[in-house]
Amino acid sequence: MTKKTLIASGFLGLAAILLLVLVRIAFYSPDIDYAFFNTAITLHIFHTIVLLGFAFKNQYVRESRLRYIYYFFVGGIVVSCTPLYIMLFEPSNVLRIILTSVSIIGSGLFIGGWITIVYLGYSYKSKYKKTH
């Protein structure tokens, strides 16, 4: 699972940086509102970094739990950020409503990933207990 998480983190991070650079250079216009795009980039990069951190902490986390976090975060990045990226092109009102609804589903995936991390914290048992 570590290899899969590292590869996914690498590609997701690369995609975020390329999108940031290309959109800011190729599509820059003072008339465009970049609020949705900035939100998408922030969510994209932040959750990619968290996913990368779990790739290196997998020795402390059961693989089944790590798999849940992986799928929640990768799914959240794809389902939540993609509609926000598309909003940059100012779609029609009907498409905007659909994209917003899809983005909310992606946000639910992010929440699922964070709830899994909270559960890991509560259920964590160290092999090395301190004796006083």
C-alpha atoms as a PDB file:
ATOM      1  CA  MET A   1       0.000   0.000   0.000  1.00  0.00           C
ATOM      2  CA  THR A   2       2.970   2.335   0.601  1.00  0.00           C
ATOM      3  CA  LYS A   3       4.056   2.177  -3.038  1.00  0.00           C
ATOM      4  CA  LYS A   4       0.520   2.846  -4.258  1.00  0.00           C
ATOM      5  CA  THR A   5       0.133   5.786  -1.858  1.00  0.00           C
ATOM      6  CA  LEU A   6       3.498   7.272  -2.860  1.00  0.00           C
ATOM      7  CA  ILE A   7       2.690   6.996  -6.573  1.00  0.00           C
ATOM      8  CA  ALA A   8      -0.757   8.520  -6.102  1.00  0.00           C
ATOM      9  CA  SER A   9       0.666  11.329  -3.941  1.00  0.00           C
ATOM     10  CA  GLY A  10       3.335  12.050  -6.538  1.00  0.00           C
ATOM     11  CA  PHE A  11       0.879  12.228  -9.414  1.00  0.00           C
ATOM     12  CA  LEU A  12      -1.690  14.235  -7.444  1.00  0.00           C
ATOM     13  CA  GLY A  13       0.954  16.704  -6.269  1.00  0.00           C
ATOM     14  CA  LEU A  14       2.349  17.052  -9.776  1.00  0.00           C
ATOM     15  CA  ALA A  15      -1.143  17.597 -11.176  1.00  0.00           C
ATOM     16  CA  ALA A  16      -1.862  20.293  -8.580  1.00  0.00           C
ATOM     17  CA  ILE A  17       1.336  22.201  -9.282  1.00  0.00           C
ATOM     18  CA  LEU A  18       0.949  21.912 -13.071  1.00  0.00           C
ATOM     19  CA  LEU A  19      -2.650  23.108 -12.858  1.00  0.00           C
ATOM     20  CA  LEU A  20      -1.624  26.017 -10.685  1.00  0.00           C
ATOM     21  CA  VAL A  21       1.182  27.100 -13.006  1.00  0.00           C
ATOM     22  CA  LEU A  22      -0.652  26.493 -16.281  1.00  0.00           C
ATOM     23  CA  VAL A  23      -3.878  28.192 -15.249  1.00  0.00           C
ATOM     24  CA  ARG A  24      -2.094  31.172 -13.779  1.00  0.00           C
ATOM     25  CA  ILE A  25       0.022  31.601 -16.938  1.00  0.00           C
ATOM     26  CA  ALA A  26      -2.174  30.369 -19.799  1.00  0.00           C
ATOM     27  CA  PHE A  27      -5.609  31.429 -18.583  1.00  0.00           C
ATOM     28  CA  TYR A  28      -4.779  34.495 -16.576  1.00  0.00           C
ATOM     29  CA  SER A  29      -7.233  37.335 -16.988  1.00  0.00           C
ATOM     30  CA  PRO A  30      -8.114  40.099 -14.557  1.00  0.00           C
ATOM     31  CA  ASP A  31     -11.780  39.506 -15.411  1.00  0.00           C
ATOM     32  CA  ILE A  32     -11.845  35.887 -14.174  1.00  0.00           C
ATOM     33  CA  ASP A  33     -12.813  35.120 -10.579  1.00  0.00           C
ATOM     34  CA  TYR A  34     -10.282  32.619  -9.274  1.00  0.00           C
ATOM     35  CA  ALA A  35     -12.051  31.911  -5.956  1.00  0.00           C
ATOM     36  CA  PHE A  36     -13.212  28.394  -6.865  1.00  0.00           C
ATOM     37  CA  PHE A  37      -9.862  27.597  -8.465  1.00  0.00           C
ATOM     38  CA  ASN A  38      -7.929  28.767  -5.392  1.00  0.00           C
ATOM     39  CA  THR A  39     -10.169  26.665  -3.152  1.00  0.00           C
ATOM     40  CA  ALA A  40      -9.630  23.605  -5.361  1.00  0.00           C
ATOM     41  CA  ILE A  41      -5.842  24.036  -5.427  1.00  0.00           C
ATOM     42  CA  THR A  42      -5.720  24.479  -1.641  1.00  0.00           C
ATOM     43  CA  LEU A  43      -7.818  21.354  -1.007  1.00  0.00           C
ATOM     44  CA  HIS A  44      -5.869  19.402  -3.633  1.00  0.00           C
ATOM     45  CA  ILE A  45      -2.399  20.192  -2.307  1.00  0.00           C
ATOM     46  CA  PHE A  46      -3.333  19.956   1.381  1.00  0.00           C
ATOM     47  CA  HIS A  47      -4.916  16.511   1.118  1.00  0.00           C
ATOM     48  CA  THR A  48      -2.099  15.273  -1.122  1.00  0.00           C
ATOM     49  CA  ILE A  49       0.435  16.236   1.556  1.00  0.00           C
ATOM     50  CA  VAL A  50      -1.603  14.476   4.260  1.00  0.00           C
ATOM     51  CA  LEU A  51      -1.812  11.387   2.045  1.00  0.00           C
ATOM     52  CA  LEU A  52       1.952  11.518   1.537  1.00  0.00           C
ATOM     53  CA  GLY A  53       2.443  11.692   5.308  1.00  0.00           C
ATOM     54  CA  PHE A  54       0.405   8.526   5.769  1.00  0.00           C
ATOM     55  CA  ALA A  55       2.603   6.742   3.236  1.00  0.00           C
ATOM     56  CA  PHE A  56       5.494   7.106   5.679  1.00  0.00           C
ATOM     57  CA  LYS A  57       3.497   6.417   8.848  1.00  0.00           C
ATOM     58  CA  ASN A  58       1.948   3.171   7.641  1.00  0.00           C
ATOM     59  CA  GLN A  59       3.997   1.102  10.086  1.00  0.00           C
ATOM     60  CA  TYR A  60       1.769   2.487  12.856  1.00  0.00           C
ATOM     61  CA  VAL A  61      -1.522   2.142  10.993  1.00  0.00           C
ATOM     62  CA  ARG A  62      -3.278  -1.063  10.009  1.00  0.00           C
ATOM     63  CA  GLU A  63      -3.347  -1.421   6.240  1.00  0.00           C
ATOM     64  CA  SER A  64      -7.136  -1.688   6.094  1.00  0.00           C
ATOM     65  CA  ARG A  65      -7.475   1.723   7.798  1.00  0.00           C
ATOM     66  CA  LEU A  66      -4.810   3.216   5.551  1.00  0.00           C
ATOM     67  CA  ARG A  67      -6.736   1.911   2.555  1.00  0.00           C
ATOM     68  CA  TYR A  68      -9.870   3.729   3.762  1.00  0.00           C
ATOM     69  CA  ILE A  69      -7.947   6.995   4.159  1.00  0.00           C
ATOM     70  CA  TYR A  70      -6.348   6.531   0.740  1.00  0.00           C
ATOM     71  CA  TYR A  71      -9.656   6.001  -1.062  1.00  0.00           C
ATOM     72  CA  PHE A  72     -11.450   8.751   0.849  1.00  0.00           C
ATOM     73  CA  PHE A  73      -8.744  11.318   0.094  1.00  0.00           C
ATOM     74  CA  VAL A  74      -8.066  10.358  -3.533  1.00  0.00           C
ATOM     75  CA  GLY A  75     -11.800  10.175  -4.179  1.00  0.00           C
ATOM     76  CA  GLY A  76     -12.294  13.497  -2.429  1.00  0.00           C
ATOM     77  CA  ILE A  77      -9.603  15.173  -4.506  1.00  0.00           C
ATOM     78  CA  VAL A  78     -11.092  13.906  -7.759  1.00  0.00           C
ATOM     79  CA  VAL A  79     -14.767  14.393  -6.899  1.00  0.00           C
ATOM     80  CA  SER A  80     -14.432  17.676  -5.000  1.00  0.00           C
ATOM     81  CA  CYS A  81     -11.661  19.529  -6.847  1.00  0.00           C
ATOM     82  CA  THR A  82     -12.509  18.662 -10.459  1.00  0.00           C
ATOM     83  CA  PRO A  83     -15.879  20.488 -10.419  1.00  0.00           C
ATOM     84  CA  LEU A  84     -14.208  23.481  -8.772  1.00  0.00           C
ATOM     85  CA  TYR A  85     -11.591  23.521 -11.537  1.00  0.00           C
ATOM     86  CA  ILE A  86     -14.333  23.410 -14.167  1.00  0.00           C
ATOM     87  CA  MET A  87     -16.034  26.419 -12.517  1.00  0.00           C
ATOM     88  CA  LEU A  88     -13.081  28.485 -13.727  1.00  0.00           C
ATOM     89  CA  PHE A  89     -14.637  28.367 -17.199  1.00  0.00           C
ATOM     90  CA  GLU A  90     -17.870  29.974 -15.934  1.00  0.00           C
ATOM     91  CA  PRO A  91     -20.396  27.268 -16.863  1.00  0.00           C
ATOM     92  CA  SER A  92     -24.129  27.852 -17.269  1.00  0.00           C
ATOM     93  CA  ASN A  93     -26.327  28.075 -14.174  1.00  0.00           C
ATOM     94  CA  VAL A  94     -27.650  24.511 -14.545  1.00  0.00           C
ATOM     95  CA  LEU A  95     -24.139  23.072 -14.907  1.00  0.00           C
ATOM     96  CA  ARG A  96     -22.970  25.202 -11.987  1.00  0.00           C
ATOM     97  CA  ILE A  97     -25.663  23.658  -9.749  1.00  0.00           C
ATOM     98  CA  ILE A  98     -24.639  20.146 -10.832  1.00  0.00           C
ATOM     99  CA  LEU A  99     -20.936  20.860 -10.280  1.00  0.00           C
ATOM    100  CA  THR A 100     -21.647  22.306  -6.837  1.00  0.00           C
ATOM    101  CA  SER A 101     -23.636  19.194  -5.891  1.00  0.00           C
ATOM    102  CA  VAL A 102     -20.825  16.899  -7.054  1.00  0.00           C
ATOM    103  CA  SER A 103     -18.279  18.992  -5.162  1.00  0.00           C
ATOM    104  CA  ILE A 104     -20.319  18.607  -1.975  1.00  0.00           C
ATOM    105  CA  ILE A 105     -20.189  14.807  -2.384  1.00  0.00           C
ATOM    106  CA  GLY A 106     -16.390  15.086  -2.692  1.00  0.00           C
ATOM    107  CA  SER A 107     -16.308  17.149   0.494  1.00  0.00           C
ATOM    108  CA  GLY A 108     -18.169  14.291   2.177  1.00  0.00           C
ATOM    109  CA  LEU A 109     -15.360  11.967   1.085  1.00  0.00           C
ATOM    110  CA  PHE A 110     -12.809  14.299   2.687  1.00  0.00           C
ATOM    111  CA  ILE A 111     -14.866  14.276   5.888  1.00  0.00           C
ATOM    112  CA  GLY A 112     -14.921  10.471   5.778  1.00  0.00           C
ATOM    113  CA  GLY A 113     -11.131  10.426   5.551  1.00  0.00           C
ATOM    114  CA  TRP A 114     -10.734  12.776   8.494  1.00  0.00           C
ATOM    115  CA  ILE A 115     -13.231  10.777  10.577  1.00  0.00           C
ATOM    116  CA  THR A 116     -11.167   7.660   9.814  1.00  0.00           C
ATOM    117  CA  ILE A 117      -8.064   9.469  11.085  1.00  0.00           C
ATOM    118  CA  VAL A 118      -9.894  10.479  14.286  1.00  0.00           C
ATOM    119  CA  TYR A 119     -10.987   6.861  14.745  1.00  0.00           C
ATOM    120  CA  LEU A 120      -7.374   5.756  14.305  1.00  0.00           C
ATOM    121  CA  GLY A 121      -6.345   8.130  17.067  1.00  0.00           C
ATOM    122  CA  TYR A 122      -8.906   6.746  19.492  1.00  0.00           C
ATOM    123  CA  SER A 123      -8.238   3.106  18.654  1.00  0.00           C
ATOM    124  CA  TYR A 124      -4.428   3.366  18.566  1.00  0.00           C
ATOM    125  CA  LYS A 125      -2.590   1.042  20.925  1.00  0.00           C
ATOM    126  CA  SER A 126       1.147   1.311  21.289  1.00  0.00           C
ATOM    127  CA  LYS A 127       3.295  -1.798  21.515  1.00  0.00           C
ATOM    128  CA  TYR A 128       5.592   0.009  23.912  1.00  0.00           C
ATOM    129  CA  LYS A 129       3.701   0.976  27.051  1.00  0.00           C
ATOM    130  CA  LYS A 130       5.412   3.057  29.679  1.00  0.00           C
ATOM    131  CA  THR A 131       5.539   1.546  33.136  1.00  0.00           C
ATOM    132  CA  HIS A 132       5.640   3.893  36.081  1.00  0.00           C
END
